[in-house]
């Protein structure tokens, strides 16, 4: 056996290295799959897939009727986006406010931030820069807290471009 191993030492070494490589690859793939599942879970609960207005309204009514508080903020936000596309600003604003209240109550900070950002944009489009800056400030703080650097920087840039103070300390807003 030793003679055979000695004659085929290179082959044995290659097999051992291949086996170690396969094990490392499996460990790496397993950790990436787990990371993808963990990172996808908040997104899946945060915002429902893109649906039309009627489907979102039906899903929202069902969630409200069954008391699914975790689903409501994302549904409100998605339906608000539909209403904005339909040029229904008033309904969109109401839905965004509901989204904010629901997201704050269920600690869904990403949805809260995105709804604030949309309300700020609506206020800005309506000529109310003060309210826009206040909503953007809150969105920026939430993105910072969530360590979403890209979103934080985008809001910061928006605020600077529109002349918003970036050192506000908001209370009771």
Protein backbone atom coordinates (compact mmCIF):
# COMPACT_ATOMS: atom_id res chain seq x y z
CA UNK A 1 0.00 0.00 0.00
CA UNK A 2 2.86 2.36 0.87
CA UNK A 3 4.54 1.65 -2.41
CA UNK A 4 1.33 2.37 -4.27
CA UNK A 5 0.85 5.60 -2.33
CA UNK A 6 4.46 6.57 -2.93
CA UNK A 7 4.06 5.96 -6.63
CA UNK A 8 0.85 7.95 -6.75
CA UNK A 9 1.62 10.66 -4.20
CA UNK A 10 0.83 13.38 -6.71
CA UNK A 11 -2.53 11.84 -7.46
CA UNK A 12 -3.33 11.46 -3.76
CA UNK A 13 -2.36 15.07 -3.11
CA UNK A 14 -4.55 16.23 -5.98
CA UNK A 15 -7.51 14.24 -4.63
CA UNK A 16 -7.06 15.69 -1.13
CA UNK A 17 -6.89 19.24 -2.51
CA UNK A 18 -9.94 18.64 -4.68
CA UNK A 19 -11.87 17.31 -1.70
CA UNK A 20 -10.91 20.33 0.43
CA UNK A 21 -11.89 22.64 -2.44
CA UNK A 22 -15.30 21.00 -2.80
CA UNK A 23 -15.94 21.28 0.95
CA UNK A 24 -14.95 24.97 0.95
CA UNK A 25 -17.16 25.63 -2.06
CA UNK A 26 -20.14 23.98 -0.35
CA UNK A 27 -19.57 26.02 2.80
CA UNK A 28 -19.33 29.24 0.79
CA UNK A 29 -22.49 28.50 -1.21
CA UNK A 30 -24.35 27.58 1.95
CA UNK A 31 -23.38 30.82 3.70
CA UNK A 32 -24.34 32.92 0.65
CA UNK A 33 -27.71 31.19 0.40
CA UNK A 34 -28.37 31.88 4.08
CA UNK A 35 -27.29 35.49 3.67
CA UNK A 36 -29.59 35.92 0.66
CA UNK A 37 -32.51 34.47 2.60
CA UNK A 38 -31.85 36.74 5.58
CA UNK A 39 -31.47 39.85 3.44
CA UNK A 40 -34.49 38.96 1.31
CA UNK A 41 -36.85 38.40 4.23
CA UNK A 42 -37.18 42.08 5.23
CA UNK A 43 -37.63 43.11 1.61
CA UNK A 44 -40.30 40.47 1.07
CA UNK A 45 -42.28 41.67 4.06
CA UNK A 46 -41.54 45.32 3.42
CA UNK A 47 -42.96 45.78 -0.04
CA UNK A 48 -45.28 43.46 -1.94
CA UNK A 49 -44.51 42.67 -5.54
CA UNK A 50 -45.61 45.18 -8.13
CA UNK A 51 -49.36 44.78 -8.58
CA UNK A 52 -52.03 46.84 -10.23
CA UNK A 53 -54.23 49.18 -8.26
CA UNK A 54 -57.23 46.82 -8.09
CA UNK A 55 -55.13 43.88 -6.86
CA UNK A 56 -53.43 46.07 -4.25
CA UNK A 57 -56.77 47.44 -3.07
CA UNK A 58 -58.13 43.90 -2.67
CA UNK A 59 -54.99 42.77 -0.83
CA UNK A 60 -55.18 45.83 1.41
CA UNK A 61 -58.83 45.23 2.30
CA UNK A 62 -58.07 41.59 3.10
CA UNK A 63 -55.07 42.54 5.28
CA UNK A 64 -57.11 45.20 7.10
CA UNK A 65 -60.00 42.78 7.69
CA UNK A 66 -57.72 40.07 9.05
CA UNK A 67 -55.66 42.47 11.18
CA UNK A 68 -52.36 41.82 9.40
CA UNK A 69 -50.60 44.89 10.79
CA UNK A 70 -47.19 43.82 9.42
CA UNK A 71 -48.45 43.78 5.82
CA UNK A 72 -50.38 47.05 5.89
CA UNK A 73 -47.53 49.61 5.69
CA UNK A 74 -46.07 48.02 2.55
CA UNK A 75 -49.47 47.69 0.95
CA UNK A 76 -50.33 51.31 1.75
CA UNK A 77 -47.02 52.44 0.25
CA UNK A 78 -47.46 50.36 -2.90
CA UNK A 79 -51.02 51.56 -3.40
CA UNK A 80 -49.86 55.16 -2.84
CA UNK A 81 -47.35 54.68 -5.65
CA UNK A 82 -50.18 53.47 -7.90
CA UNK A 83 -52.28 56.48 -6.96
CA UNK A 84 -49.36 58.77 -7.83
CA UNK A 85 -49.08 57.13 -11.24
CA UNK A 86 -52.82 57.72 -11.65
CA UNK A 87 -52.26 61.41 -10.72
CA UNK A 88 -54.43 61.02 -7.61
CA UNK A 89 -52.29 63.07 -5.23
CA UNK A 90 -54.86 63.36 -2.43
CA UNK A 91 -55.39 59.59 -2.07
CA UNK A 92 -51.64 59.04 -2.36
CA UNK A 93 -50.94 61.44 0.50
CA UNK A 94 -53.53 59.73 2.73
CA UNK A 95 -52.07 56.31 1.93
CA UNK A 96 -48.52 57.53 2.59
CA UNK A 97 -49.56 58.86 6.00
CA UNK A 98 -51.21 55.51 6.82
CA UNK A 99 -48.05 53.78 5.70
CA UNK A 100 -45.95 55.97 8.02
CA UNK A 101 -48.22 55.35 11.01
CA UNK A 102 -48.29 51.62 10.38
CA UNK A 103 -44.56 51.37 9.72
CA UNK A 104 -43.73 53.32 12.88
CA UNK A 105 -45.96 51.02 14.90
CA UNK A 106 -44.41 47.86 13.49
CA UNK A 107 -40.80 49.10 13.36
CA UNK A 108 -40.60 48.88 9.54
CA UNK A 109 -38.13 51.71 9.21
CA UNK A 110 -37.38 51.18 5.53
CA UNK A 111 -41.04 51.58 4.59
CA UNK A 112 -41.34 54.54 6.96
CA UNK A 113 -38.37 56.21 5.27
CA UNK A 114 -39.65 55.58 1.76
CA UNK A 115 -43.10 56.94 2.61
CA UNK A 116 -41.51 60.05 4.17
CA UNK A 117 -39.41 60.52 1.06
CA UNK A 118 -42.51 60.33 -1.15
CA UNK A 119 -44.44 62.76 1.06
CA UNK A 120 -41.48 65.13 0.94
CA UNK A 121 -41.47 64.95 -2.84
CA UNK A 122 -45.20 65.68 -2.93
CA UNK A 123 -44.79 68.65 -0.58
CA UNK A 124 -41.92 69.95 -2.70
CA UNK A 125 -43.95 69.59 -5.89
CA UNK A 126 -46.74 71.54 -4.18
CA UNK A 127 -44.35 74.38 -3.29
CA UNK A 128 -44.02 73.60 0.45
CA UNK A 129 -40.27 73.36 0.87
CA UNK A 130 -40.39 73.46 4.68
CA UNK A 131 -42.61 70.38 4.90
CA UNK A 132 -40.58 68.68 2.17
CA UNK A 133 -37.36 69.29 4.09
CA UNK A 134 -38.92 67.95 7.29
CA UNK A 135 -40.01 64.69 5.62
CA UNK A 136 -36.67 64.30 3.85
CA UNK A 137 -34.83 64.92 7.12
CA UNK A 138 -36.72 62.09 8.81
CA UNK A 139 -36.17 59.79 5.82
CA UNK A 140 -32.47 60.61 5.82
CA UNK A 141 -32.19 59.83 9.55
CA UNK A 142 -33.98 56.50 9.10
CA UNK A 143 -31.75 55.51 6.18
CA UNK A 144 -28.73 56.43 8.30
CA UNK A 145 -30.03 54.31 11.17
CA UNK A 146 -30.60 51.41 8.77
CA UNK A 147 -27.08 51.86 7.38
CA UNK A 148 -28.46 52.30 3.86
CA UNK A 149 -25.68 54.57 2.70
CA UNK A 150 -26.80 54.99 -0.88
CA UNK A 151 -30.31 56.01 0.11
CA UNK A 152 -28.97 58.27 2.87
CA UNK A 153 -26.65 60.03 0.45
CA UNK A 154 -29.40 60.41 -2.17
CA UNK A 155 -31.67 62.13 0.35
CA UNK A 156 -28.78 64.27 1.61
CA UNK A 157 -28.07 65.36 -1.98
CA UNK A 158 -31.75 66.13 -2.53
CA UNK A 159 -31.83 68.22 0.64
CA UNK A 160 -28.69 70.15 -0.27
CA UNK A 161 -29.88 70.73 -3.85
CA UNK A 162 -33.12 72.24 -2.53
CA UNK A 163 -31.50 74.34 0.20
CA UNK A 164 -32.75 72.33 3.16
CA UNK A 165 -30.82 72.69 6.40
CA UNK A 166 -29.06 69.39 7.05
CA UNK A 167 -28.43 69.98 10.74
CA UNK A 168 -32.03 70.22 11.94
CA UNK A 169 -33.06 68.50 15.11
CA UNK A 170 -36.74 67.71 14.78
CA UNK A 171 -38.94 67.18 17.79
CA UNK A 172 -42.54 66.05 17.99
CA UNK A 173 -43.00 65.83 14.24
